[in-house]
N, C-alpha and C. Protein backbone atom coordinates (compact mmCIF):
# COMPACT_ATOMS: atom_id res chain seq x y z
N GLN A 1 17.73 7.11 -11.15
CA GLN A 1 17.30 8.02 -12.50
C GLN A 1 16.04 8.58 -12.77
N PRO A 2 15.98 9.74 -13.21
CA PRO A 2 14.53 10.55 -13.24
C PRO A 2 13.99 9.80 -14.24
N TRP A 3 13.96 9.22 -15.48
CA TRP A 3 13.01 8.32 -16.51
C TRP A 3 13.37 7.34 -16.69
N GLY A 4 12.58 6.62 -17.33
CA GLY A 4 12.21 5.33 -17.89
C GLY A 4 12.08 4.13 -17.05
N ARG A 5 12.26 2.89 -17.19
CA ARG A 5 11.90 1.96 -16.25
C ARG A 5 13.37 1.81 -14.98
N PRO A 6 12.86 2.01 -14.02
CA PRO A 6 13.51 1.77 -12.53
C PRO A 6 14.72 0.86 -13.32
N LEU A 7 15.81 0.67 -13.21
CA LEU A 7 17.11 -0.40 -14.00
C LEU A 7 17.95 -0.85 -12.60
N GLU A 8 18.23 0.05 -11.97
CA GLU A 8 18.98 -0.41 -10.58
C GLU A 8 18.57 0.46 -9.31
N THR A 9 19.28 0.19 -8.20
CA THR A 9 19.10 0.96 -7.45
C THR A 9 20.87 1.20 -6.93
N ALA A 10 20.94 2.23 -6.17
CA ALA A 10 22.63 2.95 -5.73
C ALA A 10 22.61 3.01 -4.14
N GLN A 11 23.70 2.47 -3.71
CA GLN A 11 23.95 2.76 -2.28
C GLN A 11 24.94 4.28 -2.46
N PHE A 12 24.87 4.49 -1.39
CA PHE A 12 25.84 5.70 -1.01
C PHE A 12 26.38 5.84 0.89
N TRP A 13 27.66 5.74 0.25
CA TRP A 13 28.24 5.60 1.84
C TRP A 13 29.50 6.85 1.48
N ASN A 14 29.68 7.32 2.55
CA ASN A 14 30.70 8.84 2.21
C ASN A 14 30.51 9.35 0.85
N THR A 15 31.95 9.35 -0.25
CA THR A 15 31.89 9.73 -1.17
C THR A 15 31.55 8.38 -1.90
N GLU A 16 31.75 7.23 -2.00
CA GLU A 16 31.61 6.32 -2.80
C GLU A 16 29.96 5.94 -3.11
N VAL A 17 29.61 5.75 -4.31
CA VAL A 17 28.33 4.81 -4.73
C VAL A 17 28.65 3.78 -5.54
N PHE A 18 27.54 2.83 -5.05
CA PHE A 18 28.01 1.32 -5.48
C PHE A 18 26.72 0.78 -5.94
N ASN A 19 26.67 0.15 -6.44
CA ASN A 19 25.17 -0.71 -6.18
C ASN A 19 25.19 -2.47 -6.03
N GLU A 20 24.53 -3.18 -6.04
CA GLU A 20 24.57 -4.93 -5.49
C GLU A 20 25.29 -4.69 -4.72
N GLY A 21 25.26 -3.83 -3.36
CA GLY A 21 25.28 -3.72 -1.94
C GLY A 21 24.10 -3.64 -1.05
N LEU A 22 25.17 -3.34 0.12
CA LEU A 22 23.86 -3.44 1.05
C LEU A 22 24.66 -2.26 2.52
N VAL A 23 23.86 -1.43 2.85
CA VAL A 23 24.43 -0.69 3.62
C VAL A 23 23.59 -1.10 5.46
N GLY A 24 25.00 -1.23 5.92
CA GLY A 24 23.96 -1.95 7.36
C GLY A 24 24.24 -0.94 8.70
N LEU A 25 23.59 -0.91 9.72
CA LEU A 25 23.74 -0.28 10.74
C LEU A 25 23.47 -0.66 12.11
N ALA A 26 24.31 -1.09 13.16
CA ALA A 26 23.84 -1.86 14.29
C ALA A 26 24.41 -0.73 15.23
N LEU A 27 23.39 -1.35 16.68
CA LEU A 27 23.18 -0.33 17.57
C LEU A 27 22.95 -1.47 18.53
N SER A 28 23.73 -0.99 19.77
CA SER A 28 23.31 -2.01 21.18
C SER A 28 23.32 -1.07 22.29
N GLY A 29 22.92 -1.04 23.05
CA GLY A 29 22.29 -0.70 24.36
C GLY A 29 21.50 -0.07 24.98
N PRO A 30 21.34 0.10 25.96
CA PRO A 30 20.04 0.53 26.61
C PRO A 30 18.91 1.27 26.32
N PHE A 31 18.41 1.49 24.92
CA PHE A 31 17.57 2.22 24.50
C PHE A 31 15.90 1.45 23.79
N SER A 32 15.17 2.10 23.60
CA SER A 32 13.82 1.51 22.78
C SER A 32 13.83 2.38 21.44
N THR A 33 13.10 1.59 20.66
CA THR A 33 12.81 2.63 19.37
C THR A 33 11.63 2.67 19.19
N GLU A 34 11.12 3.77 18.47
CA GLU A 34 9.91 4.07 18.05
C GLU A 34 9.70 4.42 16.48
N ILE A 35 9.14 3.40 15.97
CA ILE A 35 9.00 3.31 14.32
C ILE A 35 8.03 4.33 13.77
N GLY A 36 8.03 5.23 13.12
CA GLY A 36 7.07 5.68 12.25
C GLY A 36 7.21 5.66 10.47
N LEU A 37 5.53 5.37 10.21
CA LEU A 37 5.44 5.35 8.39
C LEU A 37 4.89 5.94 7.93
N CYS A 38 5.26 6.94 6.30
CA CYS A 38 4.56 7.85 5.57
C CYS A 38 4.95 7.34 4.61
N HIS A 39 3.39 7.25 4.00
CA HIS A 39 3.33 6.77 2.70
C HIS A 39 2.67 8.01 1.67
N GLY A 40 2.04 8.71 2.11
CA GLY A 40 2.07 10.07 1.90
C GLY A 40 0.86 9.43 0.48
N THR A 41 0.00 8.79 0.33
CA THR A 41 -0.94 8.37 -0.53
C THR A 41 -2.11 8.52 0.38
N ALA A 42 -3.20 8.83 -0.94
CA ALA A 42 -4.70 8.82 -0.49
C ALA A 42 -5.34 7.59 -1.54
N PRO A 43 -5.82 6.96 -0.70
CA PRO A 43 -6.70 5.76 -1.36
C PRO A 43 -7.76 6.26 -2.59
N THR A 44 -7.74 5.63 -3.70
CA THR A 44 -9.04 5.84 -4.42
C THR A 44 -10.56 5.64 -4.17
N GLY A 45 -10.38 4.58 -3.22
CA GLY A 45 -11.62 4.20 -2.90
C GLY A 45 -12.19 3.16 -3.37
N ILE A 46 -11.63 2.56 -4.88
CA ILE A 46 -12.25 1.73 -5.24
C ILE A 46 -11.39 0.27 -4.99
N SER A 47 -11.99 -0.96 -4.07
CA SER A 47 -11.85 -2.01 -3.81
C SER A 47 -11.28 -2.96 -4.89
N SER A 48 -10.52 -3.51 -5.13
CA SER A 48 -10.59 -4.20 -5.82
C SER A 48 -10.02 -6.15 -5.50
N VAL A 49 -10.15 -6.92 -6.42
CA VAL A 49 -9.28 -8.24 -5.81
C VAL A 49 -8.69 -8.58 -6.83
N VAL A 50 -7.22 -9.67 -6.42
CA VAL A 50 -6.24 -9.91 -7.42
C VAL A 50 -6.66 -10.95 -7.37
N THR A 51 -7.10 -11.59 -8.59
CA THR A 51 -8.00 -12.83 -8.90
C THR A 51 -7.18 -13.75 -9.82
N LYS A 52 -5.91 -13.16 -10.58
CA LYS A 52 -4.88 -14.01 -10.91
C LYS A 52 -3.30 -13.43 -10.67
N ALA A 53 -2.33 -14.23 -9.87
CA ALA A 53 -0.95 -13.30 -9.61
C ALA A 53 -0.15 -14.98 -9.52
N ALA A 54 1.42 -14.56 -10.16
CA ALA A 54 1.95 -15.46 -10.60
C ALA A 54 3.58 -14.49 -9.61
N GLY A 55 4.03 -14.95 -8.23
CA GLY A 55 5.02 -14.31 -8.20
C GLY A 55 4.67 -12.80 -7.79
N ASN A 56 5.69 -12.30 -8.01
CA ASN A 56 5.33 -10.19 -7.95
C ASN A 56 5.13 -9.71 -8.87
N HIS A 57 3.93 -10.69 -9.60
CA HIS A 57 3.62 -9.98 -10.81
C HIS A 57 2.06 -10.73 -10.68
N VAL A 58 1.15 -9.15 -10.73
CA VAL A 58 -0.16 -9.38 -10.50
C VAL A 58 -0.74 -9.17 -11.88
N LEU A 59 -1.52 -10.65 -12.49
CA LEU A 59 -1.77 -10.79 -13.61
C LEU A 59 -3.35 -10.35 -13.93
N GLU A 60 -4.19 -10.50 -12.93
CA GLU A 60 -5.65 -10.08 -13.30
C GLU A 60 -5.90 -9.52 -11.95
N ILE A 61 -6.64 -8.05 -12.01
CA ILE A 61 -7.51 -8.00 -10.94
C ILE A 61 -9.38 -7.76 -11.61
N ASN A 62 -9.59 -8.24 -10.33
CA ASN A 62 -11.13 -8.57 -11.30
C ASN A 62 -11.80 -9.01 -12.24
N GLY A 63 -10.76 -10.52 -12.60
CA GLY A 63 -10.69 -10.76 -13.90
C GLY A 63 -10.48 -10.08 -14.60
N ARG A 64 -9.55 -8.85 -14.87
CA ARG A 64 -9.06 -7.90 -15.91
C ARG A 64 -7.69 -8.32 -15.93
N PRO A 65 -7.14 -7.93 -16.91
CA PRO A 65 -5.39 -7.52 -16.94
C PRO A 65 -5.30 -6.38 -15.84
N ALA A 66 -4.18 -6.58 -14.89
CA ALA A 66 -4.06 -5.71 -14.37
C ALA A 66 -3.85 -4.23 -14.84
N VAL A 67 -2.70 -4.50 -16.12
CA VAL A 67 -2.54 -3.36 -16.83
C VAL A 67 -3.64 -2.91 -17.13
N GLU A 68 -5.00 -3.22 -17.66
CA GLU A 68 -6.14 -2.60 -17.65
C GLU A 68 -6.92 -1.47 -16.62
N ILE A 69 -6.47 -2.14 -15.38
CA ILE A 69 -7.04 -1.72 -14.49
C ILE A 69 -6.56 -0.70 -13.96
N TRP A 70 -5.16 -1.10 -14.00
CA TRP A 70 -4.26 0.71 -13.42
C TRP A 70 -4.16 1.54 -14.69
N ARG A 71 -4.61 1.50 -15.49
CA ARG A 71 -4.91 2.43 -16.70
C ARG A 71 -5.82 3.36 -16.52
N GLU A 72 -7.02 2.57 -16.02
CA GLU A 72 -8.33 3.05 -16.45
C GLU A 72 -8.60 3.32 -14.91
N VAL A 73 -7.80 3.41 -13.82
CA VAL A 73 -7.96 3.92 -12.42
C VAL A 73 -6.71 5.18 -12.71
N THR A 74 -5.81 4.92 -13.12
CA THR A 74 -4.68 6.45 -13.06
C THR A 74 -5.07 7.35 -14.13
N GLY A 75 -5.76 6.98 -15.48
CA GLY A 75 -6.06 7.63 -16.48
C GLY A 75 -4.54 7.93 -17.45
N CYS A 76 -3.92 6.91 -17.16
CA CYS A 76 -2.10 7.24 -17.75
C CYS A 76 -2.45 6.48 -19.42
N GLN A 77 -1.92 6.99 -19.99
CA GLN A 77 -1.14 6.12 -21.58
C GLN A 77 -0.46 5.31 -21.75
N GLU A 78 -0.25 4.16 -22.24
CA GLU A 78 0.47 3.06 -22.12
C GLU A 78 2.10 3.66 -21.85
N SER A 79 2.12 4.86 -22.74
CA SER A 79 3.65 5.59 -22.58
C SER A 79 3.74 6.30 -21.36
N ASP A 80 3.35 6.42 -20.72
CA ASP A 80 3.15 6.97 -19.49
C ASP A 80 3.62 6.11 -18.62
N MET A 81 3.37 4.80 -19.05
CA MET A 81 3.61 3.69 -17.89
C MET A 81 5.44 2.95 -18.03
N LEU A 82 5.84 4.17 -18.81
CA LEU A 82 7.15 3.79 -18.72
C LEU A 82 8.19 4.30 -18.08
N HIS A 83 7.64 5.79 -17.59
CA HIS A 83 8.33 6.82 -16.70
C HIS A 83 7.99 6.73 -15.41
N GLN A 84 9.22 6.49 -14.33
CA GLN A 84 9.14 6.39 -13.00
C GLN A 84 8.31 7.65 -12.36
N SER A 85 8.22 8.82 -12.78
CA SER A 85 7.45 9.83 -12.23
C SER A 85 6.03 9.39 -12.13
N HIS A 86 5.54 8.63 -13.01
CA HIS A 86 4.08 8.05 -13.21
C HIS A 86 4.22 6.68 -11.61
N PHE A 87 5.34 5.90 -12.24
CA PHE A 87 4.94 5.04 -10.68
C PHE A 87 5.16 5.88 -9.11
N ALA A 88 5.75 6.71 -9.63
CA ALA A 88 6.15 7.53 -7.93
C ALA A 88 4.63 7.85 -7.56
N SER A 89 3.51 8.17 -8.52
CA SER A 89 2.61 8.93 -8.44
C SER A 89 1.19 8.32 -7.92
N TRP A 90 1.89 6.72 -7.91
CA TRP A 90 0.39 5.88 -7.99
C TRP A 90 1.44 4.82 -7.25
N ALA A 91 0.18 4.11 -6.16
CA ALA A 91 1.00 3.34 -5.45
C ALA A 91 -0.19 1.62 -5.49
N VAL A 92 0.28 0.75 -4.73
CA VAL A 92 -1.26 -0.22 -4.28
C VAL A 92 -0.95 -0.54 -3.27
N GLY A 93 -2.30 -0.07 -2.30
CA GLY A 93 -2.44 -0.76 -0.63
C GLY A 93 -3.08 -2.02 -1.02
N VAL A 94 -2.32 -2.71 -0.03
CA VAL A 94 -2.70 -4.49 0.12
C VAL A 94 -3.41 -4.42 1.47
N GLU A 95 -4.36 -4.92 1.46
CA GLU A 95 -5.34 -4.91 2.41
C GLU A 95 -4.86 -6.16 3.33
N ARG A 96 -4.65 -5.70 4.86
CA ARG A 96 -4.28 -6.16 5.84
C ARG A 96 -4.88 -6.14 6.63
N SER A 97 -5.04 -7.67 7.54
CA SER A 97 -5.87 -7.41 8.83
C SER A 97 -5.77 -7.96 10.19
N GLY A 98 -6.01 -7.54 11.21
CA GLY A 98 -5.45 -8.43 12.57
C GLY A 98 -5.44 -7.84 13.66
N LYS A 99 -5.31 -8.30 14.54
CA LYS A 99 -5.59 -8.15 15.99
C LYS A 99 -4.30 -7.19 16.62
N VAL A 100 -4.81 -6.01 17.27
CA VAL A 100 -4.01 -5.17 17.77
C VAL A 100 -4.48 -4.79 19.12
N GLU A 101 -3.41 -4.45 20.06
CA GLU A 101 -4.06 -4.07 21.48
C GLU A 101 -5.03 -2.49 21.34
N GLY A 102 -5.73 -2.07 21.51
CA GLY A 102 -6.32 -0.74 21.65
C GLY A 102 -6.97 -0.40 23.15
N PRO A 103 -7.48 1.19 23.06
CA PRO A 103 -7.62 1.19 24.48
C PRO A 103 -8.90 0.51 25.31
N ASN A 104 -9.66 -0.23 24.60
CA ASN A 104 -10.91 -1.10 24.99
C ASN A 104 -10.30 -2.57 24.98
N GLY A 105 -9.04 -2.63 24.75
CA GLY A 105 -8.65 -4.35 24.62
C GLY A 105 -8.12 -4.72 23.45
N VAL A 106 -8.26 -5.92 22.92
CA VAL A 106 -7.52 -6.30 21.72
C VAL A 106 -8.86 -5.78 20.76
N GLU A 107 -8.24 -5.79 19.42
CA GLU A 107 -9.33 -5.31 18.45
C GLU A 107 -9.05 -5.50 17.09
N GLU A 108 -9.77 -5.80 16.21
CA GLU A 108 -9.64 -6.41 14.55
C GLU A 108 -9.46 -5.19 14.29
N LYS A 109 -8.07 -4.57 13.61
CA LYS A 109 -7.97 -3.86 12.53
C LYS A 109 -7.67 -3.78 11.14
N THR A 110 -8.37 -3.69 10.38
CA THR A 110 -8.12 -3.43 8.49
C THR A 110 -6.98 -2.10 8.37
N SER A 111 -5.90 -2.10 7.74
CA SER A 111 -5.11 -1.28 7.02
C SER A 111 -4.40 -1.89 5.92
N ARG A 112 -4.25 -1.04 5.41
CA ARG A 112 -3.16 -1.24 4.01
C ARG A 112 -1.87 -0.87 3.69
N VAL A 113 -1.06 -1.76 3.06
CA VAL A 113 0.54 -1.81 3.05
C VAL A 113 0.57 -1.50 2.21
N ILE A 114 1.54 -0.18 1.71
CA ILE A 114 1.47 0.31 0.31
C ILE A 114 2.51 -0.33 -0.44
N ARG A 115 2.83 -0.68 -1.27
CA ARG A 115 3.44 -1.39 -2.70
C ARG A 115 3.52 -0.43 -3.94
N GLY A 116 4.61 -0.33 -4.39
CA GLY A 116 4.97 0.45 -5.79
C GLY A 116 4.73 -0.33 -6.55
N ALA A 117 4.48 0.07 -7.74
CA ALA A 117 4.63 -0.58 -8.43
C ALA A 117 5.85 -0.42 -9.38
N PHE A 118 6.54 -1.85 -9.83
CA PHE A 118 7.94 -1.52 -10.13
C PHE A 118 7.88 -1.35 -11.90
N GLY A 119 7.04 -1.69 -12.48
CA GLY A 119 7.06 -2.08 -13.90
C GLY A 119 5.26 -2.79 -14.41
N PHE A 120 5.14 -2.85 -15.62
CA PHE A 120 4.30 -3.75 -16.03
C PHE A 120 4.67 -4.20 -17.46
N ASP A 121 4.46 -5.41 -17.70
CA ASP A 121 4.42 -6.65 -18.51
C ASP A 121 3.53 -6.48 -19.57
N MET A 122 3.47 -5.31 -20.56
CA MET A 122 2.18 -5.42 -21.37
C MET A 122 1.88 -6.55 -22.53
N ALA A 123 2.74 -7.40 -22.37
CA ALA A 123 2.54 -8.86 -23.38
C ALA A 123 1.39 -9.48 -22.47
N THR A 124 1.75 -9.81 -21.06
CA THR A 124 0.88 -10.52 -20.24
C THR A 124 -0.37 -9.77 -19.40
N GLY A 125 0.10 -8.25 -19.67
CA GLY A 125 -0.97 -7.48 -18.75
C GLY A 125 -0.72 -7.45 -17.31
N ALA A 126 0.55 -7.75 -16.80
CA ALA A 126 0.81 -8.16 -15.56
C ALA A 126 1.39 -6.64 -14.68
N MET A 127 1.19 -6.34 -13.59
CA MET A 127 1.65 -5.40 -12.74
C MET A 127 2.62 -6.13 -11.98
N ILE A 128 4.03 -5.46 -12.01
CA ILE A 128 5.58 -6.18 -11.52
C ILE A 128 5.54 -5.15 -10.04
N LEU A 129 5.69 -5.88 -8.82
CA LEU A 129 5.81 -5.51 -7.73
C LEU A 129 6.97 -5.87 -7.26
N GLN A 130 7.43 -5.20 -5.80
CA GLN A 130 8.55 -5.95 -5.62
C GLN A 130 8.33 -6.75 -4.46
N ALA A 131 7.23 -7.49 -4.41
CA ALA A 131 6.96 -8.36 -3.34
C ALA A 131 5.33 -8.80 -4.04
N ALA A 132 5.23 -10.54 -3.21
CA ALA A 132 3.83 -10.86 -4.34
C ALA A 132 2.90 -10.59 -3.23
N ILE A 133 1.90 -10.50 -4.13
CA ILE A 133 0.90 -10.16 -3.52
C ILE A 133 -0.39 -11.36 -4.26
N PRO A 134 -0.65 -12.32 -3.04
CA PRO A 134 -1.58 -13.59 -3.21
C PRO A 134 -3.14 -13.19 -4.10
N GLU A 135 -3.33 -14.38 -4.71
CA GLU A 135 -4.60 -14.23 -5.19
C GLU A 135 -5.33 -14.02 -4.36
N GLY A 136 -6.81 -13.63 -4.51
CA GLY A 136 -7.82 -12.97 -3.43
C GLY A 136 -7.32 -11.96 -2.36
N THR A 137 -6.22 -11.65 -2.63
CA THR A 137 -5.96 -10.10 -1.50
C THR A 137 -6.98 -8.87 -2.61
N ASN A 138 -7.60 -8.49 -1.51
CA ASN A 138 -8.15 -7.35 -1.63
C ASN A 138 -6.99 -6.11 -1.67
N ILE A 139 -6.84 -5.20 -2.68
CA ILE A 139 -6.17 -4.53 -2.92
C ILE A 139 -7.00 -2.98 -3.70
N MET A 140 -6.34 -1.66 -3.40
CA MET A 140 -6.71 -0.43 -3.87
C MET A 140 -5.76 0.55 -4.39
N LEU A 141 -5.98 1.21 -5.35
CA LEU A 141 -4.61 2.00 -5.77
C LEU A 141 -5.02 3.14 -5.19
N HIS A 142 -3.79 3.37 -5.16
CA HIS A 142 -3.72 4.95 -4.07
C HIS A 142 -2.70 6.09 -5.15
N HIS A 143 -3.18 7.37 -5.00
CA HIS A 143 -2.35 8.12 -5.33
C HIS A 143 -1.81 9.18 -4.59
N ARG A 144 -0.30 9.17 -4.92
CA ARG A 144 0.41 10.12 -3.72
C ARG A 144 0.81 11.80 -4.49
N THR A 145 0.46 12.43 -3.82
CA THR A 145 0.69 14.36 -4.27
C THR A 145 1.78 14.76 -3.41
N VAL A 146 1.72 15.88 -3.82
CA VAL A 146 2.79 17.03 -2.54
C VAL A 146 1.91 16.68 -1.20
N ASP A 147 0.61 16.97 -1.15
CA ASP A 147 0.03 17.50 -0.26
C ASP A 147 -0.26 16.30 0.78
N GLU A 148 -0.19 15.37 0.24
CA GLU A 148 -0.02 13.86 1.34
C GLU A 148 0.59 13.50 1.50
N VAL A 149 1.97 14.01 0.95
CA VAL A 149 2.97 13.63 1.31
C VAL A 149 3.63 13.82 2.67
N LEU A 150 3.15 15.50 2.51
CA LEU A 150 3.35 16.58 3.32
C LEU A 150 2.69 16.44 4.76
N ASN A 151 1.68 16.27 4.59
CA ASN A 151 0.29 15.95 5.54
C ASN A 151 0.92 14.62 5.92
N GLY A 152 0.92 13.32 5.52
CA GLY A 152 1.35 12.26 5.99
C GLY A 152 2.75 12.48 6.77
N THR A 153 3.56 13.02 6.44
CA THR A 153 4.76 13.35 7.49
C THR A 153 4.63 14.15 8.80
N THR A 154 3.81 15.12 8.57
CA THR A 154 3.50 15.76 9.64
C THR A 154 2.71 15.07 11.09
N ALA A 155 1.59 13.89 10.08
CA ALA A 155 0.97 13.37 11.45
C ALA A 155 1.98 12.27 11.69
N MET A 156 2.50 11.42 11.07
CA MET A 156 3.80 10.66 11.61
C MET A 156 4.65 11.11 12.90
N ALA A 157 4.93 12.47 12.54
CA ALA A 157 6.11 13.20 13.50
C ALA A 157 4.95 13.42 14.68
N THR A 158 3.86 13.91 14.52
CA THR A 158 3.03 14.24 15.40
C THR A 158 2.56 12.56 16.36
N GLU A 159 2.55 11.54 15.32
CA GLU A 159 2.14 10.43 16.58
C GLU A 159 3.40 9.97 17.44
N LEU A 160 4.69 10.29 16.30
CA LEU A 160 5.92 9.86 17.21
C LEU A 160 6.16 10.63 18.69
N ARG A 161 5.72 11.80 18.53
CA ARG A 161 6.14 12.72 19.39
C ARG A 161 5.02 12.08 20.72
N GLU A 162 4.40 12.22 20.53
CA GLU A 162 2.90 11.43 21.76
C GLU A 162 3.72 10.15 22.29
N ARG A 163 3.99 9.09 21.06
CA ARG A 163 4.67 7.88 21.78
C ARG A 163 5.91 8.30 22.32
N LEU A 164 6.48 9.18 22.77
CA LEU A 164 8.01 9.49 23.44
C LEU A 164 7.49 10.09 24.71
N HIS A 165 5.98 10.52 25.39
CA HIS A 165 5.54 10.75 26.22
C HIS A 165 6.66 11.42 27.18
N GLY A 166 7.56 12.69 26.17
CA GLY A 166 8.39 13.77 26.82
C GLY A 166 9.47 13.38 26.67
N ARG A 167 10.23 11.87 26.81
CA ARG A 167 11.57 11.40 26.24
C ARG A 167 12.01 12.12 25.29
N GLN A 168 13.61 12.52 25.25
CA GLN A 168 14.52 13.00 24.36
C GLN A 168 14.93 12.11 23.12
N PRO A 169 14.54 12.35 22.20
CA PRO A 169 15.28 11.21 21.02
C PRO A 169 16.95 11.27 21.10
N TRP A 170 17.59 10.33 20.94
CA TRP A 170 18.82 10.80 20.78
C TRP A 170 19.49 10.84 19.42
N ALA A 171 18.69 9.84 18.97
CA ALA A 171 19.02 9.78 17.34
C ALA A 171 18.23 9.61 16.85
N VAL A 172 18.07 10.14 15.36
CA VAL A 172 16.25 9.98 14.47
C VAL A 172 17.28 9.48 12.94
N LEU A 173 16.87 8.44 12.81
CA LEU A 173 17.12 7.81 11.11
C LEU A 173 16.07 8.09 10.66
N GLU A 174 16.54 8.23 8.97
CA GLU A 174 15.13 8.74 7.80
C GLU A 174 15.87 7.35 6.89
N ILE A 175 15.09 6.52 6.79
CA ILE A 175 15.29 5.80 5.38
C ILE A 175 13.58 6.10 4.43
N GLY A 176 14.05 6.29 3.40
CA GLY A 176 12.95 6.15 2.44
C GLY A 176 13.62 7.04 1.16
N ARG A 177 12.49 7.30 0.04
CA ARG A 177 12.87 8.08 -0.53
C ARG A 177 11.12 8.83 -1.04
N ALA A 178 11.60 9.85 -1.79
CA ALA A 178 10.46 10.75 -2.20
C ALA A 178 10.54 11.22 -3.70
N HIS A 179 9.58 10.65 -4.27
CA HIS A 179 9.65 10.98 -5.77
C HIS A 179 7.86 11.83 -6.07
N VAL A 180 7.71 12.97 -5.82
CA VAL A 180 6.66 13.34 -6.38
C VAL A 180 6.85 14.49 -7.00
């Protein structure tokens, strides 16, 4: 839906459209997979901490209502926070750290997992996400632009091609949504 709060999702199969469903795919055989991700976002550079949360509701960021922080960083009006085009333009980068194998052995690496805001509760000041973010988690708002989406997609394709080491793919699956 191109306007208002997201109310439901739809699944498509051939000529059918339905909701409250799941589309699955099973593959078997002697093959390997390569997975690439592109969120098409640019970090704002303002690091914050979730200071109060309840499930998938981020209530406070840096001790202030999450809605206030969102509006301050994005520059949006309260009425903008009802439109899906606004949700699609902004995202939350959730900081994650872990050990990964690098060219010089195991290294500690920090990156951000991108989460979309699915709504706001003006009464509580909460930002509503699809998954919980624990209190104490470092986050950073990200802005999504057409250029970031296109550049990110090109970078992802280049990385995937390098990981293939000359092998030819026999299938490519794309899962995603683009609302820029």
